[in-house]
Amino acid sequence: MQPLNVPAAKQPLPMALGAWNLPELLGEIAARDATIAQQQREIEQLRERVEGQSELLAKTQQVLLELRAKLINARQEMFGASRERMNEWQLDIFDQEHEAPLPPQVPDLSIPVEGHRRKRRSKGRPALSDDLPRERVVHAMPEQELAQYDRVTVIGETLTRTLKYTPARISVVEHACLRYALVKDGVSTVRGVTFQASPLMKSNASPELLARIIVAHFDSGMPFYRLEEEFAMHGLRISRNTMSDWTIRLSKLMLCLYEAFRRQLLSAQVIFGDDTPFPQLCKQLERTRTVRLWGYASAGAVLRDAQWVPVPRVVYYDYTASRAGCHPIALLGNYQGYLQADDYSGWAALFRGGKIQHVACHAQYPESRFMSSDGWQWAYGRA
């Protein structure tokens, strides 16, 4: 007997609906919904935890990169060479592959001029200024050789110029101040000439010697012990303590020039400023303390009629016991122009008024750290 083909929609239920416990069925559905909701909440919590862990991992990697940069920089400053030579970290900047399109070739717009040649740069002899004193030395044939001829006529000369350097000469100048016995109208008196041979009282240092010490020590950066050795080679013995005492006494005589240099500095349109720490002996603390030496320099040019005209440069030094921002404000508070300095927070008060424009310090760029485009690979060193 063949089974009847009854459609699925019309097939009888396996059991009557009333045979099921409806409250129990609804309870199971509610429990299942609660379980699904609980699982969804757990999924959201896990997703938030994963996102938090990812963010924490990114911050941790960023901190590790910064600490690695500081460690490499500290090792470089302590043990590395001071020469500005390319290192392995710096090469990473140029190892990245970029897919940027190449710029179009710019056509050559230069116009050739016939008969014009660019001057070649000299590689050997330095140029001789016309302001240098000249000394003429004539080299002639010996008289005995010229005596062999009946007639001798000079028809020309070959001129060769050389630079001559005369080393320092140490000499003693005796200043004789004469005394006179003067008689007038039968009355006699004694008078003498007064003359101070040295700018410093009770010193035998001439102005030329003091100028040599000041320029060598402060402009050329030569310490006193090196100057002591240099003078010893010429047979002159001047201790470094004596030169230090002369320098201190000269600084008091030059206080009148200090304010003049300050006015000249503030008249410049562009000023470069920076500070450096150095240790100083302190008798009260019985140890060394760190003080600051501020250096300011004018640009050496002023803007006149839309053109920069060169003017003498001014270098101004300011000594302070700390690095507080009140020190540059005391010096540059009334200045108006451009100040090229680093990102030290003490300069910020000068730039708030708008009279002083902050120009970025290019000396900070060689010590910067450069991050590649992907944000993970770092390169260190000088730019």
Protein backbone atom coordinates (compact mmCIF):
# COMPACT_ATOMS: atom_id res chain seq x y z
CA MET A 1 0.00 0.00 0.00
CA GLN A 2 1.49 3.32 -1.08
CA PRO A 3 1.82 6.19 1.55
CA LEU A 4 -0.14 9.32 0.92
CA ASN A 5 1.77 12.37 -0.36
CA VAL A 6 0.54 15.03 2.07
CA PRO A 7 2.08 18.54 1.82
CA ALA A 8 4.39 19.52 4.69
CA ALA A 9 2.15 22.42 5.66
CA LYS A 10 -0.81 20.04 6.04
CA GLN A 11 1.01 17.23 7.81
CA PRO A 12 -0.38 16.52 11.31
CA LEU A 13 1.62 17.61 14.34
CA PRO A 14 3.48 14.87 16.16
CA MET A 15 1.37 15.63 19.19
CA ALA A 16 -1.34 17.99 20.10
CA LEU A 17 -0.32 21.48 21.21
CA GLY A 18 -2.13 20.99 24.42
CA ALA A 19 0.19 18.11 25.24
CA TRP A 20 3.03 20.66 25.84
CA ASN A 21 3.39 22.62 29.08
CA LEU A 22 3.04 26.21 27.86
CA PRO A 23 4.39 27.95 30.99
CA GLU A 24 7.42 25.68 30.96
CA LEU A 25 8.02 26.46 27.28
CA LEU A 26 7.78 30.19 27.90
CA GLY A 27 10.21 29.88 30.81
CA GLU A 28 12.74 28.09 28.64
CA ILE A 29 12.42 30.80 25.99
CA ALA A 30 12.92 33.53 28.60
CA ALA A 31 15.93 31.69 30.05
CA ARG A 32 17.40 31.31 26.57
CA ASP A 33 16.89 35.04 25.89
CA ALA A 34 18.55 35.89 29.19
CA THR A 35 21.46 33.61 28.32
CA ILE A 36 21.83 35.27 24.90
CA ALA A 37 21.72 38.73 26.48
CA GLN A 38 24.33 37.70 29.06
CA GLN A 39 26.57 36.33 26.33
CA GLN A 40 26.20 39.53 24.32
CA ARG A 41 27.17 41.57 27.38
CA GLU A 42 30.19 39.35 27.92
CA ILE A 43 31.13 39.75 24.26
CA GLU A 44 30.93 43.55 24.59
CA GLN A 45 33.02 43.43 27.75
CA LEU A 46 35.62 41.26 26.02
CA ARG A 47 35.63 43.61 23.03
CA GLU A 48 36.15 46.63 25.29
CA ARG A 49 38.89 44.75 27.13
CA VAL A 50 40.63 43.91 23.85
CA GLU A 51 40.41 47.54 22.73
CA GLY A 52 41.80 48.70 26.08
CA GLN A 53 44.64 46.20 25.89
CA SER A 54 45.41 47.31 22.33
CA GLU A 55 45.52 50.96 23.40
CA LEU A 56 47.67 50.08 26.40
CA LEU A 57 50.00 48.09 24.14
CA ALA A 58 50.33 51.03 21.75
CA LYS A 59 51.13 53.41 24.61
CA THR A 60 53.62 50.93 26.05
CA GLN A 61 55.38 50.60 22.69
CA GLN A 62 55.45 54.40 22.38
CA VAL A 63 57.01 54.73 25.85
CA LEU A 64 59.55 52.02 24.99
CA LEU A 65 60.52 53.88 21.82
CA GLU A 66 60.96 57.12 23.74
CA LEU A 67 63.00 55.40 26.45
CA ARG A 68 65.11 53.74 23.78
CA ALA A 69 65.72 57.13 22.17
CA LYS A 70 66.76 58.63 25.49
CA LEU A 71 69.04 55.67 26.23
CA ILE A 72 70.76 55.89 22.84
CA ASN A 73 71.12 59.65 23.21
CA ALA A 74 72.60 59.26 26.70
CA ARG A 75 75.06 56.64 25.47
CA GLN A 76 75.99 58.84 22.53
CA GLU A 77 76.65 61.85 24.75
CA MET A 78 78.62 59.81 27.30
CA PHE A 79 80.57 57.35 25.16
CA GLY A 80 79.98 58.30 21.52
CA ALA A 81 82.10 60.38 19.20
CA SER A 82 81.39 64.08 19.00
CA ARG A 83 81.97 64.25 15.26
CA GLU A 84 78.94 64.92 13.11
CA ARG A 85 79.16 61.70 11.17
CA MET A 86 76.27 59.68 9.79
CA ASN A 87 75.40 56.63 11.90
CA GLU A 88 73.30 53.52 11.42
CA TRP A 89 70.22 55.06 13.01
CA GLN A 90 70.29 58.04 10.74
CA LEU A 91 70.30 55.82 7.66
CA ASP A 92 66.86 54.49 8.61
CA ILE A 93 65.37 57.79 7.54
CA PHE A 94 66.28 57.12 3.94
CA ASP A 95 65.53 53.38 3.88
CA GLN A 96 61.75 53.78 3.70
CA GLU A 97 60.01 53.08 0.40
CA HIS A 98 57.74 55.83 -0.82
CA GLU A 99 55.15 55.46 -3.54
CA ALA A 100 54.82 59.15 -4.23
CA PRO A 101 54.95 59.94 -7.95
CA LEU A 102 58.05 61.56 -9.28
CA PRO A 103 57.71 65.27 -10.00
CA PRO A 104 57.64 66.24 -13.64
CA GLN A 105 60.90 67.26 -15.16
CA VAL A 106 61.38 71.00 -15.19
CA PRO A 107 62.56 72.25 -18.55
CA ASP A 108 65.90 73.98 -18.69
CA LEU A 109 65.13 77.69 -18.99
CA SER A 110 68.74 78.86 -18.91
CA ILE A 111 69.86 81.00 -21.81
CA PRO A 112 73.43 80.40 -22.98
CA VAL A 113 75.45 83.57 -23.44
CA GLU A 114 78.31 83.45 -25.86
CA GLY A 115 81.64 84.61 -24.61
CA HIS A 116 80.72 84.28 -20.90
CA ARG A 117 82.54 81.90 -18.60
CA ARG A 118 81.87 81.37 -14.95
CA LYS A 119 84.75 82.27 -12.68
CA ARG A 120 86.51 79.26 -11.27
CA ARG A 121 86.83 79.05 -7.54
CA SER A 122 90.33 79.20 -6.24
CA LYS A 123 91.44 76.02 -4.47
CA GLY A 124 94.99 76.87 -3.52
CA ARG A 125 96.33 80.28 -2.65
CA PRO A 126 94.28 82.57 -0.40
CA ALA A 127 93.38 86.00 -1.66
CA LEU A 128 95.72 88.82 -0.67
CA SER A 129 93.95 91.93 0.54
CA ASP A 130 95.12 95.27 -0.79
CA ASP A 131 95.01 96.67 2.75
CA LEU A 132 97.85 94.46 3.94
CA PRO A 133 101.22 96.19 4.26
CA ARG A 134 103.71 95.40 1.53
CA GLU A 135 107.41 94.69 1.84
CA ARG A 136 109.49 94.62 -1.34
CA VAL A 137 112.49 92.31 -1.53
CA VAL A 138 114.58 92.49 -4.73
CA HIS A 139 116.47 89.38 -5.79
CA ALA A 140 119.27 90.32 -8.20
CA MET A 141 122.16 88.48 -9.77
CA PRO A 142 125.41 88.54 -7.79
CA GLU A 143 127.69 91.50 -8.48
CA GLN A 144 130.57 89.21 -9.38
CA GLU A 145 128.52 87.55 -12.09
CA LEU A 146 127.26 90.85 -13.49
CA ALA A 147 130.83 92.22 -13.63
CA GLN A 148 131.63 89.73 -16.40
CA TYR A 149 129.42 91.62 -18.87
CA ASP A 150 130.13 94.93 -20.60
CA ARG A 151 126.61 96.31 -20.13
CA VAL A 152 123.75 95.19 -17.91
CA THR A 153 120.17 96.43 -18.33
CA VAL A 154 117.16 95.36 -16.29
CA ILE A 155 114.36 94.68 -18.78
CA GLY A 156 111.70 93.30 -16.45
CA GLU A 157 110.89 91.34 -13.35
CA THR A 158 108.87 88.36 -12.22
CA LEU A 159 106.77 89.24 -9.20
CA THR A 160 105.79 86.60 -6.64
CA ARG A 161 103.78 87.40 -3.52
CA THR A 162 103.88 85.38 -0.31
CA LEU A 163 102.09 85.76 3.00
CA LYS A 164 104.40 86.47 5.90
CA TYR A 165 103.52 85.89 9.54
CA THR A 166 105.50 87.58 12.29
CA PRO A 167 105.22 85.69 15.58
CA ALA A 168 104.51 87.50 18.82
CA ARG A 169 107.43 89.44 20.21
CA ILE A 170 107.84 90.02 23.92
CA SER A 171 109.74 93.15 24.90
CA VAL A 172 110.09 95.47 27.87
CA VAL A 173 109.18 99.13 27.47
CA GLU A 174 110.87 101.46 29.94
CA HIS A 175 108.81 104.55 30.61
CA ALA A 176 111.14 107.23 31.92
CA CYS A 177 109.23 110.00 33.68
CA LEU A 178 111.61 112.94 33.93
CA ARG A 179 111.84 115.23 36.92
CA TYR A 180 112.69 118.87 36.43
CA ALA A 181 114.22 121.51 38.64
CA LEU A 182 112.43 124.68 37.58
CA VAL A 183 113.52 128.19 38.51
CA LYS A 184 111.40 131.28 37.94
CA ASP A 185 111.94 134.70 39.42
CA GLY A 186 114.53 133.29 41.75
CA VAL A 187 112.14 130.65 43.05
CA SER A 188 113.04 127.04 42.36
CA THR A 189 110.67 124.09 42.35
CA VAL A 190 110.80 120.44 41.38
CA ARG A 191 108.18 118.91 39.11
CA GLY A 192 107.87 115.54 37.48
CA VAL A 193 105.83 113.93 34.71
CA THR A 194 103.10 111.57 35.84
CA PHE A 195 102.26 108.67 33.58
CA GLN A 196 100.32 105.47 34.21
CA ALA A 197 101.94 102.80 32.06
CA SER A 198 99.31 100.12 32.74
CA PRO A 199 95.52 100.41 32.88
CA LEU A 200 95.70 98.47 36.16
CA MET A 201 97.16 100.06 39.24
CA LYS A 202 100.34 98.46 40.59
CA SER A 203 100.67 96.22 37.54
CA ASN A 204 103.35 95.91 34.87
CA ALA A 205 100.98 94.63 32.16
CA SER A 206 100.77 96.83 29.09
CA PRO A 207 97.47 97.44 27.24
CA GLU A 208 98.72 95.22 24.41
CA LEU A 209 99.41 92.30 26.75
CA LEU A 210 96.04 92.67 28.48
CA ALA A 211 94.27 92.81 25.12
CA ARG A 212 96.04 89.62 24.03
CA ILE A 213 94.92 87.79 27.19
CA ILE A 214 91.32 89.00 26.94
CA VAL A 215 90.91 88.15 23.25
CA ALA A 216 92.61 84.76 23.54
CA HIS A 217 90.64 83.73 26.61
CA PHE A 218 87.14 84.99 25.78
CA ASP A 219 87.08 85.13 21.99
CA SER A 220 89.33 82.18 21.10
CA GLY A 221 88.36 80.10 24.13
CA MET A 222 91.94 79.53 25.25
CA PRO A 223 92.22 78.65 28.96
CA PHE A 224 94.70 80.43 31.18
CA TYR A 225 96.99 77.43 31.52
CA ARG A 226 97.41 77.35 27.73
CA LEU A 227 98.27 81.04 27.74
CA GLU A 228 100.72 80.38 30.54
CA GLU A 229 102.45 77.75 28.39
CA GLU A 230 102.47 80.05 25.36
CA PHE A 231 104.10 82.90 27.27
CA ALA A 232 106.62 80.44 28.75
CA MET A 233 107.79 79.57 25.23
CA HIS A 234 108.74 83.24 24.81
CA GLY A 235 110.58 83.28 28.12
CA LEU A 236 107.84 85.12 29.99
CA ARG A 237 106.39 83.59 33.15
CA ILE A 238 102.87 84.74 33.99
CA SER A 239 100.85 82.47 36.24
CA ARG A 240 97.22 81.71 35.53
CA ASN A 241 96.27 83.24 38.89
CA THR A 242 97.82 86.52 37.83
CA MET A 243 95.96 86.49 34.51
CA SER A 244 92.71 85.69 36.32
CA ASP A 245 93.26 88.63 38.67
CA TRP A 246 93.97 90.93 35.73
CA THR A 247 90.79 89.79 34.01
CA ILE A 248 88.63 90.49 37.08
CA ARG A 249 90.11 93.95 37.52
CA LEU A 250 89.68 94.74 33.84
CA SER A 251 86.01 93.74 33.98
CA LYS A 252 85.42 96.51 36.52
CA LEU A 253 87.08 99.04 34.24
CA MET A 254 84.88 97.96 31.32
CA LEU A 255 81.54 98.44 33.09
CA CYS A 256 81.08 101.67 31.15
CA LEU A 257 81.25 99.67 27.90
CA TYR A 258 78.80 97.07 29.20
CA GLU A 259 75.80 99.38 29.04
CA ALA A 260 76.91 100.68 25.63
CA PHE A 261 76.99 97.13 24.27
CA ARG A 262 73.54 96.51 25.77
CA ARG A 263 72.06 99.52 23.97
CA GLN A 264 73.71 98.44 20.73
CA LEU A 265 72.29 94.93 21.14
CA LEU A 266 68.74 96.14 21.76
CA SER A 267 68.89 98.32 18.64
CA ALA A 268 69.35 95.22 16.43
CA GLN A 269 66.36 93.88 14.53
CA VAL A 270 67.35 90.23 15.04
CA ILE A 271 68.90 88.77 18.21
CA PHE A 272 70.14 85.25 18.87
CA GLY A 273 69.84 84.08 22.48
CA ASP A 274 70.84 80.99 24.43
CA ASP A 275 72.11 79.96 27.85
CA THR A 276 74.56 77.38 29.10
CA PRO A 277 75.20 75.98 32.59
CA PHE A 278 78.60 75.87 34.19
CA PRO A 279 79.83 75.04 37.70
CA GLN A 280 80.96 77.78 40.05
CA LEU A 281 82.71 77.48 43.38
CA CYS A 282 80.56 78.68 46.26
CA LYS A 283 82.23 79.40 49.59
CA GLN A 284 78.92 79.50 51.47
CA LEU A 285 77.88 76.04 50.29
CA GLU A 286 81.45 74.66 50.38
CA ARG A 287 80.83 73.03 47.02
CA THR A 288 80.17 73.94 43.42
CA ARG A 289 76.81 75.22 42.27
CA THR A 290 75.36 75.43 38.78
CA VAL A 291 74.95 78.95 37.42
CA ARG A 292 73.98 80.27 34.01
CA LEU A 293 75.77 82.26 31.36
CA TRP A 294 73.43 83.83 28.81
CA GLY A 295 74.79 84.72 25.41
CA TYR A 296 73.12 87.21 23.08
CA ALA A 297 74.32 88.17 19.62
CA SER A 298 72.97 90.57 17.04
CA ALA A 299 72.45 89.46 13.45
CA GLY A 300 75.04 91.84 12.04
CA ALA A 301 72.63 93.44 9.56
CA VAL A 302 69.71 95.89 9.60
CA LEU A 303 66.85 96.27 7.16
CA ARG A 304 67.00 99.61 5.36
CA ASP A 305 64.94 100.41 2.28
CA ALA A 306 63.97 96.74 1.84
CA GLN A 307 67.65 95.69 1.86
CA TRP A 308 69.79 94.17 4.58
CA VAL A 309 72.76 96.41 5.28
CA PRO A 310 75.70 94.89 7.20
CA VAL A 311 76.53 96.48 10.56
CA PRO A 312 79.02 95.52 13.28
CA ARG A 313 77.87 92.57 15.34
CA VAL A 314 77.47 92.71 19.10
CA VAL A 315 77.98 89.76 21.46
CA TYR A 316 76.59 90.32 24.95
CA TYR A 317 77.04 87.99 27.94
CA ASP A 318 74.87 88.00 31.04
CA TYR A 319 75.65 86.06 34.22
CA THR A 320 72.81 84.83 36.45
CA ALA A 321 72.64 82.53 39.44
CA SER A 322 69.65 80.59 38.05
CA ARG A 323 67.69 79.92 34.86
CA ALA A 324 64.55 81.75 35.95
CA GLY A 325 62.56 83.49 33.25
CA CYS A 326 62.91 86.84 34.99
CA HIS A 327 66.51 87.16 33.80
CA PRO A 328 65.84 87.36 30.02
CA ILE A 329 62.82 89.57 30.75
CA ALA A 330 65.02 92.01 32.66
CA LEU A 331 67.31 92.33 29.64
CA LEU A 332 64.87 92.09 26.71
CA GLY A 333 61.71 93.45 28.32
CA ASN A 334 61.68 96.61 26.17
CA TYR A 335 63.05 94.99 23.02
CA GLN A 336 61.06 94.90 19.80
CA GLY A 337 62.12 92.63 16.96
CA TYR A 338 62.97 89.00 16.29
CA LEU A 339 64.48 86.64 18.85
CA GLN A 340 65.89 83.33 17.67
CA ALA A 341 65.99 80.97 20.63
CA ASP A 342 65.14 77.45 21.71
CA ASP A 343 61.85 76.26 23.22
CA TYR A 344 62.79 77.09 26.79
CA SER A 345 59.68 78.10 28.74
CA GLY A 346 61.45 81.13 30.19
CA TRP A 347 61.25 82.85 26.79
CA ALA A 348 57.46 82.47 26.66
CA ALA A 349 56.73 85.62 28.66
CA LEU A 350 58.67 87.70 26.11
CA PHE A 351 56.52 86.49 23.23
CA ARG A 352 53.12 87.09 24.84
CA GLY A 353 53.09 90.83 24.26
CA GLY A 354 53.62 90.48 20.52
CA LYS A 355 56.53 92.93 20.36
CA ILE A 356 59.06 90.10 20.13
CA GLN A 357 58.60 87.45 17.43
CA HIS A 358 59.92 83.96 18.18
CA VAL A 359 62.14 82.46 15.49
CA ALA A 360 62.91 78.73 15.66
CA CYS A 361 66.41 77.77 16.75
CA HIS A 362 68.05 75.81 13.93
CA ALA A 363 70.72 74.47 16.26
CA GLN A 364 68.10 72.23 17.87
CA TYR A 365 67.32 70.38 14.65
CA PRO A 366 70.52 68.27 14.48
CA GLU A 367 69.64 66.74 17.86
CA SER A 368 66.02 65.96 16.93
CA ARG A 369 64.47 62.52 16.63
CA PHE A 370 62.72 61.63 13.43
CA MET A 371 59.86 59.12 13.19
CA SER A 372 59.06 57.39 9.92
CA SER A 373 55.67 57.51 8.24
CA ASP A 374 54.48 54.19 9.71
CA GLY A 375 54.93 55.57 13.22
CA TRP A 376 57.05 52.72 14.60
CA GLN A 377 60.55 52.88 13.20
CA TRP A 378 62.67 55.64 14.67
CA ALA A 379 65.91 57.18 13.57
CA TYR A 380 68.29 59.02 15.81
CA GLY A 381 71.29 61.24 15.32
CA ARG A 382 72.11 64.42 13.51
CA ALA A 383 70.08 65.64 10.59
